Protein backbone atom coordinates (compact mmCIF):
# COMPACT_ATOMS: atom_id res chain seq x y z
CA MET A 1 129.06 135.01 139.23
CA LEU A 2 125.97 135.54 137.08
CA VAL A 3 125.94 137.32 134.03
CA THR A 4 122.72 137.79 132.58
CA ASP A 5 120.93 140.41 130.08
CA ASP A 6 117.16 140.27 132.38
CA SER A 7 117.24 142.98 135.10
CA HIS A 8 114.49 140.68 136.63
CA MET A 9 116.12 137.56 136.56
CA ASP A 10 116.42 135.89 140.45
CA THR A 11 119.75 136.56 141.74
CA THR A 12 119.71 134.79 145.17
CA GLY A 13 122.34 132.49 145.89
CA PHE A 14 125.11 134.55 143.55
CA ASP A 15 128.04 136.21 145.01
CA ARG A 16 128.42 138.86 142.36
CA VAL A 17 125.90 139.86 139.16
CA LEU A 18 127.01 141.13 136.20
CA TYR A 19 124.61 142.74 133.30
CA TYR A 20 125.47 142.24 129.95
CA LYS A 21 124.93 144.36 127.04
CA PRO A 22 126.31 144.24 123.23
CA PRO A 23 128.91 145.92 122.31
CA PHE A 24 130.11 146.50 126.07
CA GLY A 25 129.76 143.11 127.57
CA PRO A 26 129.44 142.37 131.25
CA TYR A 27 129.07 145.32 133.40
CA PRO A 28 128.42 145.04 137.21
CA ALA A 29 124.70 145.37 138.30
CA GLU A 30 125.90 148.21 140.49
CA LEU A 31 126.23 150.66 137.00
CA ALA A 32 123.07 149.70 136.00
CA GLU A 33 121.77 152.67 136.49
CA THR A 34 124.07 154.96 134.49
CA TYR A 35 125.97 152.38 132.02
CA PRO A 36 127.02 152.92 129.31
CA PHE A 37 127.35 156.56 130.39
CA ASN A 38 126.51 158.86 127.73
CA ALA A 39 126.60 155.83 124.85
CA GLU A 40 123.59 155.14 122.68
CA VAL A 41 122.62 151.89 122.69
CA PRO A 42 120.05 150.11 120.21
CA GLU A 43 117.23 147.81 121.64
CA VAL A 44 118.06 145.48 119.14
CA ALA A 45 121.95 144.52 119.09
CA ASP A 46 123.34 143.71 115.60
CA SER A 47 125.80 141.31 114.40
CA GLU A 48 128.63 143.25 115.01
CA ALA A 49 127.48 144.31 118.30
CA LEU A 50 126.88 140.97 119.73
CA LYS A 51 129.99 139.69 118.16
CA GLN A 52 132.17 142.63 120.57
CA ALA A 53 130.01 141.67 123.50
CA GLU A 54 131.16 138.13 122.92
CA LYS A 55 134.84 138.28 122.52
CA ILE A 56 134.56 140.79 126.22
CA MET A 57 132.87 137.54 127.76
CA HIS A 58 135.60 135.31 126.84
CA ASP A 59 137.89 137.60 127.94
CA LEU A 60 136.21 138.10 131.16
CA ILE A 61 136.16 134.11 131.60
CA ARG A 62 139.54 133.62 130.59
CA ASN A 63 141.26 135.95 132.63
CA ASN A 64 139.50 134.59 135.41
CA PRO A 65 139.86 131.26 135.82
CA GLU A 66 139.34 131.30 139.68
CA ALA A 67 135.97 132.29 138.98
CA ARG A 68 132.86 130.27 138.82
CA PHE A 69 130.31 131.70 135.80
CA SER A 70 126.52 130.84 135.16
CA ILE A 71 125.56 132.88 132.11
CA ARG A 72 122.03 133.29 131.50
CA LEU A 73 121.16 135.34 128.47
CA LYS A 74 118.26 136.36 126.26
CA HIS A 75 119.93 135.19 123.12
CA ASP A 76 122.89 132.34 122.60
CA LEU A 77 126.14 132.57 122.60
CA PRO A 78 128.58 131.05 120.42
CA GLU A 79 129.42 127.11 121.63
CA LYS A 80 133.29 128.41 121.53
CA MET A 81 132.93 129.50 125.01
CA PRO A 82 136.07 129.22 127.37
CA GLU A 83 136.05 126.05 129.61
CA GLN A 84 134.28 126.85 132.57
CA ARG A 85 134.43 125.12 135.96
């Protein structure tokens, strides 16, 4: 599963693609045209938005231990991400 904040990223070889948008975190690429519905999101995320998105990313990884994640973001995530196989 690829998680990216770059809509131009090469997604070849990934079964599933999630886009990443603070403060919402990962969401299905199929919703890229409509998500987040009716919400104003600044171009540059502040630290609170990044923390919230990172928490959601942690939860996604922790709650899907059978999945393999490839995270390719323009900004760095904290070093304490859950273990990935």
